């Protein structure tokens, strides 16, 4: 990978792709008049994503999009999750066409949340992240800030080992050393 967030092959030949999750708490029911423009824009925006250079995969439920899938067991949170070739491909898609238009209107459709709602991480090519994995990455970003494990577009990290960061080993107290004293 280069410093601009592009995928690469590691020394052993594993190619990485960029997973992304973003969530939003609905400001009104999905099929309300307030969210009409958002709901009507889902199919065209998803079709544009599917046809975008660098697009790999997106989360779909029974409806053909992800509006029937929940995250953090919250009925008002929508989840969007996808995999891209690299951060450049994701950024180009995000800031053009109808996606850009809907993104500019997000405050009409979603409540403002104080915590991170978007997380990015590298996955081995072919891996399809789960909602549980996305929850874990969002929580880690919220608690630790951007790291290679979970980051954002402003603070991207190079592709590398896609395994979860190991938990730090607890520091152990040194065992007491007993010295036997012999009577002399």
Protein backbone atom coordinates (compact mmCIF):
# COMPACT_ATOMS: atom_id res chain seq x y z
CA UNK A 1 0.00 0.00 0.00
CA UNK A 2 1.04 3.55 -0.49
CA UNK A 3 0.45 6.37 1.95
CA UNK A 4 -2.73 7.35 0.11
CA UNK A 5 -4.62 4.29 1.35
CA UNK A 6 -4.38 1.85 -1.51
CA UNK A 7 -4.45 -1.91 -1.09
CA UNK A 8 -1.43 -4.04 -1.73
CA UNK A 9 -0.04 -7.51 -1.52
CA UNK A 10 1.96 -8.34 1.55
CA UNK A 11 5.25 -10.19 1.45
CA UNK A 12 3.40 -13.51 1.42
CA UNK A 13 1.08 -12.44 -1.43
CA UNK A 14 -2.15 -11.76 0.48
CA UNK A 15 -4.12 -8.95 -1.13
CA UNK A 16 -6.14 -6.71 1.16
CA UNK A 17 -9.36 -4.82 0.52
CA UNK A 18 -10.98 -2.03 2.50
CA UNK A 19 -14.06 -2.78 4.60
CA UNK A 20 -16.24 0.10 5.70
CA UNK A 21 -19.24 0.42 7.98
CA UNK A 22 -21.34 3.45 8.63
CA UNK A 23 -24.44 3.71 10.73
CA UNK A 24 -27.17 6.26 11.21
CA UNK A 25 -30.00 6.66 13.69
CA UNK A 26 -33.17 7.39 11.75
CA UNK A 27 -34.79 10.77 12.41
CA UNK A 28 -38.20 9.29 11.52
CA UNK A 29 -39.59 5.93 10.37
CA UNK A 30 -37.97 4.76 7.14
CA UNK A 31 -41.21 4.95 5.17
CA UNK A 32 -42.23 8.38 6.48
CA UNK A 33 -42.58 11.47 4.32
CA UNK A 34 -39.50 12.94 6.04
CA UNK A 35 -37.31 10.09 4.76
CA UNK A 36 -38.97 9.74 1.35
CA UNK A 37 -36.02 11.22 -0.61
CA UNK A 38 -33.62 8.96 1.28
CA UNK A 39 -35.72 5.81 0.72
CA UNK A 40 -36.22 6.63 -2.98
CA UNK A 41 -32.50 7.23 -3.38
CA UNK A 42 -31.38 3.87 -1.96
CA UNK A 43 -31.73 1.77 -5.11
CA UNK A 44 -30.06 4.30 -7.46
CA UNK A 45 -27.21 4.94 -5.00
CA UNK A 46 -26.67 1.22 -4.44
CA UNK A 47 -26.69 0.64 -8.21
CA UNK A 48 -24.10 3.40 -8.63
CA UNK A 49 -21.95 1.82 -5.91
CA UNK A 50 -22.24 -1.62 -7.51
CA UNK A 51 -21.04 -0.16 -10.82
CA UNK A 52 -18.22 1.94 -9.31
CA UNK A 53 -14.60 1.28 -10.09
CA UNK A 54 -13.09 -0.40 -7.04
CA UNK A 55 -16.39 -1.64 -5.57
CA UNK A 56 -16.19 -5.24 -4.30
CA UNK A 57 -19.23 -6.08 -2.12
CA UNK A 58 -22.02 -4.59 -0.01
CA UNK A 59 -24.19 -5.92 2.79
CA UNK A 60 -27.68 -6.90 1.65
CA UNK A 61 -30.64 -8.23 3.56
CA UNK A 62 -33.88 -9.73 2.35
CA UNK A 63 -34.91 -6.37 0.86
CA UNK A 64 -31.91 -6.21 -1.49
CA UNK A 65 -30.36 -3.44 0.59
CA UNK A 66 -29.45 -3.40 4.27
CA UNK A 67 -32.47 -1.53 5.66
CA UNK A 68 -33.79 -4.70 7.30
CA UNK A 69 -30.50 -5.42 9.11
CA UNK A 70 -29.85 -3.88 12.51
CA UNK A 71 -26.68 -3.11 14.40
CA UNK A 72 -26.17 -2.82 18.17
CA UNK A 73 -29.69 -4.28 18.62
CA UNK A 74 -31.20 -0.86 17.90
CA UNK A 75 -34.34 -0.74 15.73
CA UNK A 76 -33.60 2.90 14.76
CA UNK A 77 -30.01 2.34 13.58
CA UNK A 78 -29.44 1.60 9.90
CA UNK A 79 -26.19 -0.03 8.85
CA UNK A 80 -24.31 0.26 5.58
CA UNK A 81 -21.34 -2.00 5.08
CA UNK A 82 -19.24 -2.56 1.99
CA UNK A 83 -15.81 -3.64 0.75
CA UNK A 84 -13.74 -1.58 -1.69
CA UNK A 85 -10.42 -1.96 -3.48
CA UNK A 86 -8.92 0.91 -1.46
CA UNK A 87 -9.66 4.25 0.21
CA UNK A 88 -9.35 6.10 -3.10
CA UNK A 89 -12.16 4.10 -4.71
CA UNK A 90 -14.40 4.59 -1.66
CA UNK A 91 -13.72 8.33 -1.54
CA UNK A 92 -14.46 8.83 -5.24
CA UNK A 93 -17.82 7.09 -4.85
CA UNK A 94 -18.76 8.92 -1.65
CA UNK A 95 -18.32 12.41 -3.04
CA UNK A 96 -19.93 12.19 -6.45
CA UNK A 97 -23.39 11.87 -7.99
CA UNK A 98 -26.53 11.02 -6.07
CA UNK A 99 -24.59 9.68 -3.09
CA UNK A 100 -23.06 13.11 -2.62
CA UNK A 101 -26.50 14.72 -2.84
CA UNK A 102 -27.98 12.42 -0.19
CA UNK A 103 -24.89 12.78 1.98
CA UNK A 104 -25.36 16.55 1.95
CA UNK A 105 -28.92 16.04 3.26
CA UNK A 106 -28.03 13.50 5.96
CA UNK A 107 -29.18 15.78 8.81
CA UNK A 108 -32.72 15.61 7.39
CA UNK A 109 -32.68 11.83 7.55
CA UNK A 110 -30.52 10.93 10.55
CA UNK A 111 -29.97 12.18 14.08
CA UNK A 112 -26.59 13.66 14.87
CA UNK A 113 -24.55 11.21 16.96
CA UNK A 114 -21.61 12.30 19.10
CA UNK A 115 -19.67 9.08 18.63
CA UNK A 116 -17.95 7.63 15.58
CA UNK A 117 -20.46 6.31 13.05
CA UNK A 118 -17.98 5.21 10.37
CA UNK A 119 -15.09 2.77 10.66
CA UNK A 120 -12.68 1.39 8.07
CA UNK A 121 -10.37 -1.60 8.28
CA UNK A 122 -8.39 -3.83 5.96
CA UNK A 123 -9.55 -7.37 5.30
CA UNK A 124 -7.97 -10.18 3.27
CA UNK A 125 -9.31 -10.24 -0.29
CA UNK A 126 -12.50 -12.30 -0.41
CA UNK A 127 -13.42 -11.75 3.26
CA UNK A 128 -16.96 -10.46 3.81
CA UNK A 129 -17.29 -8.74 7.18
CA UNK A 130 -20.20 -9.47 9.51
CA UNK A 131 -22.33 -7.00 11.44
CA UNK A 132 -20.73 -8.29 14.63
CA UNK A 133 -17.29 -7.56 13.21
CA UNK A 134 -18.45 -4.05 12.28
CA UNK A 135 -19.78 -3.46 15.79
CA UNK A 136 -16.41 -4.49 17.22
CA UNK A 137 -14.52 -2.14 14.90
CA UNK A 138 -16.82 0.81 15.69
CA UNK A 139 -16.50 0.22 19.43
CA UNK A 140 -12.69 0.03 19.16
CA UNK A 141 -12.57 3.25 17.11
CA UNK A 142 -14.77 4.97 19.69
CA UNK A 143 -12.67 3.82 22.65
CA UNK A 144 -9.14 3.98 21.21
CA UNK A 145 -9.35 6.43 18.33
CA UNK A 146 -7.93 5.59 14.90
CA UNK A 147 -5.55 2.62 14.85
CA UNK A 148 -4.68 0.08 12.13
CA UNK A 149 -7.52 -2.03 13.61
CA UNK A 150 -10.23 0.59 12.97
CA UNK A 151 -9.73 4.00 11.40
CA UNK A 152 -11.44 6.70 9.35
CA UNK A 153 -10.69 8.42 6.05
CA UNK A 154 -8.93 11.31 7.79
CA UNK A 155 -6.53 8.92 9.54
CA UNK A 156 -6.06 5.96 7.22
CA UNK A 157 -3.51 3.24 7.88
CA UNK A 158 -1.71 0.95 5.43
CA UNK A 159 -3.06 -2.48 4.63
CA UNK A 160 -1.39 -5.13 6.68
CA UNK A 161 -2.26 -8.00 8.91
CA UNK A 162 -6.07 -8.25 8.85
CA UNK A 163 -6.26 -10.21 12.08
CA UNK A 164 -7.65 -8.45 15.15
CA UNK A 165 -5.14 -6.63 17.29
CA UNK A 166 -4.07 -8.85 20.13
CA UNK A 167 -5.30 -7.80 23.52
CA UNK A 168 -2.46 -6.45 25.63
CA UNK A 169 -1.05 -8.98 28.01
CA UNK A 170 -1.82 -8.14 31.61
CA UNK A 171 1.26 -7.20 33.52
CA UNK A 172 2.05 -9.88 36.02
CA UNK A 173 3.61 -9.23 39.34
CA UNK A 174 6.92 -10.99 39.59
CA UNK A 175 6.66 -14.10 41.67
CA UNK A 176 8.28 -13.74 45.04
CA UNK A 177 11.61 -15.45 45.26
CA UNK A 178 12.20 -17.42 48.37
CA UNK A 179 15.72 -18.05 49.40
CA UNK A 180 16.25 -20.85 51.84
CA UNK A 181 18.66 -20.09 54.57
CA UNK A 182 20.45 -23.03 55.96
CA UNK A 183 21.65 -23.03 59.50
CA UNK A 184 25.41 -23.03 59.61
